[in-house]
Amino acid sequence: MDHLMPATTETYRSPSKECLYSSTNIAVNTSTSTTTTTQTAGN
């Protein structure tokens, strides 16, 4: 359980990072759409 704490803490510590990863995943999933990728980069 202790080894799970750091990762969980990091995620909760940086909510913006979580959003960043989500946005990155969206950009990757819709890499064909340049507009979506540009909007994600802008955010």
C-alpha atoms as a PDB file:
ATOM      1  CA  MET A   1       0.000   0.000   0.000  1.00  0.00           C
ATOM      2  CA  ASP A   2       2.879   2.344   0.767  1.00  0.00           C
ATOM      3  CA  HIS A   3       4.234   2.019  -2.748  1.00  0.00           C
ATOM      4  CA  LEU A   4       0.862   3.176  -4.087  1.00  0.00           C
ATOM      5  CA  MET A   5       0.839   6.311  -1.970  1.00  0.00           C
ATOM      6  CA  PRO A   6       3.487   8.348  -3.870  1.00  0.00           C
ATOM      7  CA  ALA A   7       1.800   7.967  -7.248  1.00  0.00           C
ATOM      8  CA  THR A   8      -1.636   8.727  -5.822  1.00  0.00           C
ATOM      9  CA  THR A   9      -0.295  11.700  -3.885  1.00  0.00           C
ATOM     10  CA  GLU A  10       1.410  13.048  -6.982  1.00  0.00           C
ATOM     11  CA  THR A  11      -1.799  12.826  -8.986  1.00  0.00           C
ATOM     12  CA  TYR A  12      -3.856  14.529  -6.301  1.00  0.00           C
ATOM     13  CA  ARG A  13      -1.087  17.040  -5.641  1.00  0.00           C
ATOM     14  CA  SER A  14      -1.074  18.208  -9.262  1.00  0.00           C
ATOM     15  CA  PRO A  15      -4.667  18.311 -10.544  1.00  0.00           C
ATOM     16  CA  SER A  16      -3.455  20.355 -13.505  1.00  0.00           C
ATOM     17  CA  LYS A  17      -1.134  17.483 -14.402  1.00  0.00           C
ATOM     18  CA  GLU A  18      -4.138  15.169 -14.422  1.00  0.00           C
ATOM     19  CA  CYS A  19      -5.934  17.527 -16.811  1.00  0.00           C
ATOM     20  CA  LEU A  20      -2.776  17.758 -18.900  1.00  0.00           C
ATOM     21  CA  TYR A  21      -2.594  13.980 -19.238  1.00  0.00           C
ATOM     22  CA  SER A  22      -6.296  13.829 -20.121  1.00  0.00           C
ATOM     23  CA  SER A  23      -5.869  16.539 -22.729  1.00  0.00           C
ATOM     24  CA  THR A  24      -2.831  14.746 -24.112  1.00  0.00           C
ATOM     25  CA  ASN A  25      -4.789  11.516 -24.394  1.00  0.00           C
ATOM     26  CA  ILE A  26      -7.563  13.368 -26.214  1.00  0.00           C
ATOM     27  CA  ALA A  27      -5.022  14.940 -28.549  1.00  0.00           C
ATOM     28  CA  VAL A  28      -3.471  11.550 -29.261  1.00  0.00           C
ATOM     29  CA  ASN A  29      -6.858   9.952 -29.830  1.00  0.00           C
ATOM     30  CA  THR A  30      -7.843  12.748 -32.202  1.00  0.00           C
ATOM     31  CA  SER A  31      -4.386  13.327 -33.678  1.00  0.00           C
ATOM     32  CA  THR A  32      -6.079  13.476 -37.080  1.00  0.00           C
ATOM     33  CA  SER A  33      -7.838  16.654 -35.988  1.00  0.00           C
ATOM     34  CA  THR A  34      -5.323  19.501 -36.039  1.00  0.00           C
ATOM     35  CA  THR A  35      -7.849  21.845 -34.435  1.00  0.00           C
ATOM     36  CA  THR A  36      -8.246  19.658 -31.350  1.00  0.00           C
ATOM     37  CA  THR A  37      -4.491  19.275 -31.003  1.00  0.00           C
ATOM     38  CA  THR A  38      -4.002  23.039 -31.281  1.00  0.00           C
ATOM     39  CA  GLN A  39      -6.689  23.734 -28.677  1.00  0.00           C
ATOM     40  CA  THR A  40      -5.100  21.216 -26.300  1.00  0.00           C
ATOM     41  CA  ALA A  41      -1.688  22.814 -26.793  1.00  0.00           C
ATOM     42  CA  GLY A  42      -3.216  26.224 -26.104  1.00  0.00           C
ATOM     43  CA  ASN A  43      -4.616  24.984 -22.819  1.00  0.00           C
END
